[in-house]
C-alpha atoms as a PDB file:
ATOM      1  CA  MET A   1       9.077  10.039  17.796  1.00  0.00           C
ATOM      2  CA  LYS A   2       6.463   9.873  20.976  1.00  0.00           C
ATOM      3  CA  THR A   3       5.053   7.139  21.796  1.00  0.00           C
ATOM      4  CA  ARG A   4       1.342   6.734  23.344  1.00  0.00           C
ATOM      5  CA  LYS A   5       0.617   4.050  25.187  1.00  0.00           C
ATOM      6  CA  SER A   6      -1.678   1.036  22.775  1.00  0.00           C
ATOM      7  CA  LYS A   7      -4.861   0.448  24.856  1.00  0.00           C
ATOM      8  CA  SER A   8      -3.896  -3.442  23.070  1.00  0.00           C
ATOM      9  CA  THR A   9      -1.679  -4.387  25.745  1.00  0.00           C
ATOM     10  CA  ALA A  10       0.385  -1.811  28.317  1.00  0.00           C
ATOM     11  CA  SER A  11       4.220  -2.958  26.985  1.00  0.00           C
ATOM     12  CA  ALA A  12       2.722  -2.367  22.782  1.00  0.00           C
ATOM     13  CA  ARG A  13       3.415   1.372  21.473  1.00  0.00           C
ATOM     14  CA  ALA A  14       1.424   3.266  18.877  1.00  0.00           C
ATOM     15  CA  VAL A  15       2.412   5.551  16.497  1.00  0.00           C
ATOM     16  CA  LEU A  16       0.889   9.265  17.237  1.00  0.00           C
ATOM     17  CA  ALA A  17      -0.499  10.254  14.112  1.00  0.00           C
ATOM     18  CA  SER A  18       0.701  13.706  14.237  1.00  0.00           C
ATOM     19  CA  ASP A  19       5.222  12.252  14.309  1.00  0.00           C
ATOM     20  CA  SER A  20       4.139   9.850  10.786  1.00  0.00           C
ATOM     21  CA  THR A  21       3.712  12.670   9.300  1.00  0.00           C
ATOM     22  CA  THR A  22       7.307  14.128  10.235  1.00  0.00           C
ATOM     23  CA  ALA A  23       8.476  10.691   9.882  1.00  0.00           C
ATOM     24  CA  VAL A  24       7.294  10.198   6.188  1.00  0.00           C
ATOM     25  CA  THR A  25       7.920  13.702   5.262  1.00  0.00           C
ATOM     26  CA  ALA A  26      11.471  13.283   7.415  1.00  0.00           C
ATOM     27  CA  ALA A  27      12.153   9.812   4.894  1.00  0.00           C
ATOM     28  CA  GLN A  28      10.805  10.900   1.767  1.00  0.00           C
ATOM     29  CA  ALA A  29      12.999  13.503   1.830  1.00  0.00           C
ATOM     30  CA  GLU A  30      16.351  11.386   3.161  1.00  0.00           C
ATOM     31  CA  ALA A  31      14.826   8.528  -0.342  1.00  0.00           C
ATOM     32  CA  GLU A  32      14.860  12.479  -2.451  1.00  0.00           C
ATOM     33  CA  LYS A  33      18.430  12.631  -1.576  1.00  0.00           C
ATOM     34  CA  ARG A  34      19.348   9.449  -2.334  1.00  0.00           C
ATOM     35  CA  GLN A  35      17.077   9.388  -6.110  1.00  0.00           C
ATOM     36  CA  SER A  36      15.174   6.432  -5.006  1.00  0.00           C
ATOM     37  CA  SER A  37      12.118   5.203  -5.787  1.00  0.00           C
ATOM     38  CA  VAL A  38       9.797   4.032  -3.043  1.00  0.00           C
ATOM     39  CA  VAL A  39       7.057   3.814  -0.826  1.00  0.00           C
ATOM     40  CA  ILE A  40       7.741   4.690   3.036  1.00  0.00           C
ATOM     41  CA  ALA A  41       4.358   3.136   4.583  1.00  0.00           C
ATOM     42  CA  ILE A  42       4.138   3.955   8.759  1.00  0.00           C
ATOM     43  CA  VAL A  43       1.745   0.935  10.334  1.00  0.00           C
ATOM     44  CA  ASP A  44       0.581   1.670  13.750  1.00  0.00           C
ATOM     45  CA  ASP A  45       1.344  -1.282  16.558  1.00  0.00           C
ATOM     46  CA  GLY A  46      -1.345  -3.386  14.889  1.00  0.00           C
ATOM     47  CA  GLY A  47      -0.066  -3.493  11.017  1.00  0.00           C
ATOM     48  CA  ASP A  48      -2.310  -2.018   9.571  1.00  0.00           C
ATOM     49  CA  PRO A  49      -1.661   1.442   7.655  1.00  0.00           C
ATOM     50  CA  ILE A  50      -1.134   5.007   8.737  1.00  0.00           C
ATOM     51  CA  VAL A  51       0.739   6.759   6.468  1.00  0.00           C
ATOM     52  CA  LEU A  52       1.590   5.653   2.488  1.00  0.00           C
ATOM     53  CA  ARG A  53       3.581   7.570   0.638  1.00  0.00           C
ATOM     54  CA  ARG A  54       4.597   6.324  -3.079  1.00  0.00           C
ATOM     55  CA  LEU A  55       6.850   8.730  -4.549  1.00  0.00           C
ATOM     56  CA  ASP A  56       6.904   9.546  -8.567  1.00  0.00           C
ATOM     57  CA  ASP A  57       8.350   6.864 -11.833  1.00  0.00           C
ATOM     58  CA  THR A  58       8.165   3.700  -8.749  1.00  0.00           C
ATOM     59  CA  GLN A  59       6.460   0.589  -9.160  1.00  0.00           C
ATOM     60  CA  VAL A  60       2.961   0.052  -8.254  1.00  0.00           C
ATOM     61  CA  ALA A  61       3.937  -3.525  -6.763  1.00  0.00           C
ATOM     62  CA  SER A  62       5.870  -1.657  -4.314  1.00  0.00           C
ATOM     63  CA  VAL A  63       2.565  -0.401  -2.390  1.00  0.00           C
ATOM     64  CA  GLN A  64       1.519  -3.665  -0.811  1.00  0.00           C
ATOM     65  CA  VAL A  65       5.898  -4.573  -0.297  1.00  0.00           C
ATOM     66  CA  SER A  66       5.966  -2.088   1.490  1.00  0.00           C
ATOM     67  CA  ILE A  67       3.149  -2.249   3.742  1.00  0.00           C
ATOM     68  CA  ASP A  68       3.897  -6.141   4.516  1.00  0.00           C
ATOM     69  CA  LYS A  69       7.264  -5.140   5.496  1.00  0.00           C
ATOM     70  CA  ALA A  70       5.406  -2.665   7.503  1.00  0.00           C
ATOM     71  CA  ARG A  71       2.712  -4.747   9.392  1.00  0.00           C
ATOM     72  CA  THR A  72       5.854  -7.712   9.827  1.00  0.00           C
ATOM     73  CA  ALA A  73       7.555  -4.902  12.036  1.00  0.00           C
ATOM     74  CA  ALA A  74       4.789  -4.232  13.836  1.00  0.00           C
ATOM     75  CA  ILE A  75       3.479  -7.331  14.859  1.00  0.00           C
ATOM     76  CA  TYR A  76       6.447  -9.401  15.048  1.00  0.00           C
ATOM     77  CA  ARG A  77       9.121  -6.551  17.060  1.00  0.00           C
ATOM     78  CA  ARG A  78      11.525  -5.926  14.498  1.00  0.00           C
ATOM     79  CA  PRO A  79      13.052  -5.408  11.429  1.00  0.00           C
ATOM     80  CA  SER A  80      10.744  -7.478   8.535  1.00  0.00           C
ATOM     81  CA  LYS A  81      15.230  -8.051   7.757  1.00  0.00           C
ATOM     82  CA  ASP A  82      15.337  -9.967  10.627  1.00  0.00           C
ATOM     83  CA  PHE A  83      13.591 -12.733   8.509  1.00  0.00           C
ATOM     84  CA  VAL A  84      16.079 -12.456   5.506  1.00  0.00           C
ATOM     85  CA  THR A  85      19.049 -13.464   7.859  1.00  0.00           C
ATOM     86  CA  THR A  86      17.356 -15.878   9.758  1.00  0.00           C
ATOM     87  CA  VAL A  87      16.524 -17.498   6.195  1.00  0.00           C
ATOM     88  CA  HIS A  88      19.862 -17.372   5.342  1.00  0.00           C
ATOM     89  CA  THR A  89      21.789 -18.722   8.562  1.00  0.00           C
ATOM     90  CA  ALA A  90      18.675 -21.465   8.334  1.00  0.00           C
ATOM     91  CA  CYS A  91      20.358 -22.256   4.834  1.00  0.00           C
ATOM     92  CA  GLY A  92      24.054 -21.786   5.089  1.00  0.00           C
ATOM     93  CA  LYS A  93      24.548 -19.102   2.884  1.00  0.00           C
END
């Protein structure tokens, strides 16, 4: 996926609109192959949605969850799953 330098910081990267369309199409194809009902959210480097696609039969509550997960990954520059791992480690799980 191509990136461009963000105007906000020299080290940040932003997703190009054309690439986000390609990515969401690929993600949808993978979800359909797995027979998964999901919401696909792609955000910019500030965490604002660029593309949002809710597949058929996906619960409405998943829309905000997907945006929040994508935003967390974008603004903290790491997968949102890392936070779950950190909490589990701190709790001794």
